[in-house]
N, C-alpha and C. Protein backbone atom coordinates (compact mmCIF):
# COMPACT_ATOMS: atom_id res chain seq x y z
N MET A 1 18.35 15.53 10.15
CA MET A 1 17.11 15.76 10.53
C MET A 1 15.89 15.83 9.40
N GLN A 2 16.57 15.86 8.37
CA GLN A 2 15.72 16.33 6.80
C GLN A 2 16.38 15.03 6.20
N SER A 3 16.60 14.50 6.16
CA SER A 3 16.18 12.71 6.65
C SER A 3 15.50 11.85 6.74
N GLN A 4 15.04 12.13 7.95
CA GLN A 4 14.43 11.45 8.39
C GLN A 4 13.05 11.88 8.03
N LEU A 5 12.24 13.35 7.90
CA LEU A 5 11.80 13.76 7.59
C LEU A 5 11.45 13.51 6.19
N ASP A 6 12.37 13.47 5.54
CA ASP A 6 12.18 13.01 4.06
C ASP A 6 11.48 10.77 3.93
N GLY A 7 12.13 10.36 4.81
CA GLY A 7 11.76 8.88 5.07
C GLY A 7 10.70 9.03 5.72
N ILE A 8 10.10 9.57 5.83
CA ILE A 8 8.74 9.33 7.36
C ILE A 8 7.89 10.11 5.99
N ALA A 9 8.08 10.87 5.23
CA ALA A 9 7.49 11.31 4.14
C ALA A 9 6.98 10.01 3.06
N GLU A 10 8.07 9.38 2.38
CA GLU A 10 8.08 8.35 1.42
C GLU A 10 7.17 7.13 1.69
N CYS A 11 7.40 7.33 4.06
CA CYS A 11 6.39 6.55 4.13
C CYS A 11 5.43 6.23 4.29
N VAL A 12 3.98 7.20 4.79
CA VAL A 12 3.76 8.08 3.61
C VAL A 12 2.88 8.08 2.62
N THR A 13 3.58 8.35 1.90
CA THR A 13 3.43 7.97 0.17
C THR A 13 3.28 7.34 0.62
N LEU A 14 4.22 5.71 0.49
CA LEU A 14 3.13 4.19 0.37
C LEU A 14 2.95 3.45 1.27
N LEU A 15 2.50 4.68 2.11
CA LEU A 15 0.93 4.02 2.94
C LEU A 15 -0.37 4.43 2.10
N VAL A 16 -0.19 5.43 1.96
CA VAL A 16 -1.78 5.66 1.09
C VAL A 16 -2.04 4.93 0.68
N ARG A 17 -0.53 4.21 -0.90
CA ARG A 17 -0.94 3.84 -2.21
C ARG A 17 -1.52 3.13 -1.49
N SER A 18 -0.69 1.88 -0.32
CA SER A 18 -1.42 1.25 -0.07
C SER A 18 -2.83 1.38 0.55
N GLN A 19 -2.97 2.17 0.53
CA GLN A 19 -4.67 2.27 1.61
C GLN A 19 -5.07 2.39 -0.38
N ALA A 20 -4.83 2.95 -1.01
CA ALA A 20 -5.86 3.12 -2.45
C ALA A 20 -5.82 2.11 -3.13
N VAL A 21 -4.99 1.12 -3.30
CA VAL A 21 -4.76 -0.38 -3.44
C VAL A 21 -5.59 -1.27 -3.10
N SER A 22 -5.69 -0.86 -2.18
CA SER A 22 -7.24 -1.87 -0.68
C SER A 22 -8.19 -1.00 -1.00
N MET A 23 -8.78 -0.34 -1.48
CA MET A 23 -10.12 0.26 -1.97
C MET A 23 -9.90 -0.16 -2.92
N LYS A 24 -9.58 -0.47 -3.46
CA LYS A 24 -9.31 -0.87 -4.88
C LYS A 24 -10.27 -2.05 -5.03
N ALA A 25 -9.59 -2.36 -4.14
CA ALA A 25 -9.17 -4.17 -3.56
C ALA A 25 -11.24 -4.74 -3.19
N LEU A 26 -11.46 -3.66 -1.84
CA LEU A 26 -12.06 -3.70 -1.39
C LEU A 26 -13.74 -3.20 -2.83
N ARG A 27 -12.81 -2.22 -3.50
CA ARG A 27 -14.46 -1.66 -4.35
C ARG A 27 -14.88 -3.19 -5.04
N GLY A 28 -13.81 -3.59 -5.68
CA GLY A 28 -13.58 -4.78 -6.50
C GLY A 28 -14.85 -5.75 -5.97
N LEU A 29 -13.80 -6.49 -5.36
CA LEU A 29 -15.29 -6.89 -4.31
C LEU A 29 -16.91 -6.49 -3.93
N LEU A 30 -16.33 -5.82 -3.31
CA LEU A 30 -18.25 -5.50 -3.43
C LEU A 30 -19.19 -5.60 -4.33
N ASN A 31 -18.64 -4.85 -5.48
CA ASN A 31 -19.19 -4.90 -6.69
C ASN A 31 -19.26 -6.13 -7.66
N GLU A 32 -18.59 -7.24 -7.24
CA GLU A 32 -18.36 -8.13 -7.29
C GLU A 32 -17.53 -7.73 -9.44
N GLU A 33 -16.55 -7.09 -9.30
CA GLU A 33 -16.23 -7.23 -11.03
C GLU A 33 -14.88 -7.56 -10.74
N ALA A 34 -14.29 -7.91 -9.67
CA ALA A 34 -12.62 -7.75 -9.44
C ALA A 34 -12.51 -10.01 -10.05
N SER A 35 -11.55 -10.71 -10.56
CA SER A 35 -11.65 -12.29 -10.57
C SER A 35 -10.74 -12.07 -8.84
N ASP A 36 -11.21 -13.11 -8.87
CA ASP A 36 -9.78 -14.02 -7.91
C ASP A 36 -8.54 -13.72 -7.13
N ARG A 37 -7.76 -13.40 -9.22
CA ARG A 37 -6.42 -13.13 -9.81
C ARG A 37 -6.73 -12.27 -9.82
N THR A 38 -7.30 -10.86 -9.79
CA THR A 38 -6.89 -9.71 -9.54
C THR A 38 -6.67 -9.49 -8.29
N LEU A 39 -7.47 -9.82 -7.36
CA LEU A 39 -8.02 -9.00 -5.60
C LEU A 39 -6.10 -9.86 -5.06
N ASP A 40 -6.21 -11.50 -5.83
CA ASP A 40 -5.11 -11.93 -5.67
C ASP A 40 -4.11 -10.89 -5.47
N GLU A 41 -3.72 -10.00 -6.79
CA GLU A 41 -3.30 -9.18 -7.19
C GLU A 41 -2.55 -7.68 -6.30
N GLN A 42 -4.07 -7.38 -5.99
CA GLN A 42 -4.14 -5.95 -5.39
C GLN A 42 -3.65 -6.02 -3.79
N LEU A 43 -4.00 -7.40 -3.48
CA LEU A 43 -3.75 -7.47 -1.71
C LEU A 43 -2.05 -7.93 -1.88
N SER A 44 -1.10 -8.15 -3.20
CA SER A 44 -0.28 -8.31 -3.11
C SER A 44 0.88 -7.59 -3.17
N THR A 45 -0.05 -6.85 -3.76
CA THR A 45 0.72 -4.92 -4.17
C THR A 45 0.38 -4.66 -2.78
N ASN A 46 -0.59 -4.14 -1.89
CA ASN A 46 -1.45 -3.83 -0.60
C ASN A 46 -0.23 -4.58 0.63
N LEU A 47 0.35 -5.24 0.17
CA LEU A 47 0.84 -5.75 1.48
C LEU A 47 2.81 -5.68 1.18
N ASN A 48 3.42 -6.08 -0.19
CA ASN A 48 4.00 -4.78 -0.44
C ASN A 48 4.23 -4.05 0.23
N LEU A 49 3.43 -2.85 -0.65
CA LEU A 49 3.77 -1.49 -0.56
C LEU A 49 3.65 -0.82 1.29
N ALA A 50 2.88 -1.58 2.08
CA ALA A 50 2.75 -1.69 3.20
C ALA A 50 4.97 -2.64 4.21
N ARG A 51 4.97 -2.87 4.07
CA ARG A 51 6.20 -3.44 3.47
C ARG A 51 7.78 -2.80 3.42
N ASP A 52 7.51 -1.88 1.72
CA ASP A 52 7.98 -1.48 2.09
C ASP A 52 7.86 0.22 3.02
N ALA A 53 6.91 0.38 3.25
CA ALA A 53 6.66 1.18 4.52
C ALA A 53 7.08 1.19 5.26
N GLU A 54 7.27 0.05 6.09
CA GLU A 54 7.39 -0.69 7.65
C GLU A 54 9.06 0.22 7.40
N GLU A 55 9.71 -0.70 6.80
CA GLU A 55 11.41 -0.84 6.24
C GLU A 55 11.87 0.85 6.42
N LYS A 56 11.00 1.65 5.03
CA LYS A 56 11.22 2.93 4.86
C LYS A 56 11.20 3.24 6.54
N LEU A 57 10.54 3.80 7.10
CA LEU A 57 10.06 3.72 8.96
C LEU A 57 11.20 3.13 9.34
N ILE A 58 11.39 2.42 9.47
CA ILE A 58 12.62 1.43 10.07
C ILE A 58 14.41 2.46 10.12
N GLN A 59 14.11 2.50 8.74
CA GLN A 59 15.19 3.35 8.18
C GLN A 59 15.85 4.68 8.47
N SER A 60 14.29 5.73 8.88
CA SER A 60 14.14 7.02 9.30
C SER A 60 15.23 6.71 9.99
């Protein structure tokens, strides 16, 4: 049971980090501060974090 809770906690942490990266990308886009490269990197990071969270959830 503790292992499952730890896995879910890690999944939530990854999803929160993913959301923060997504918000940063959106803020940069709306303020026209971010370059295409920066946005691409942030969205790629966001996707990787979401995929990591998915894997953690499956393992839990």
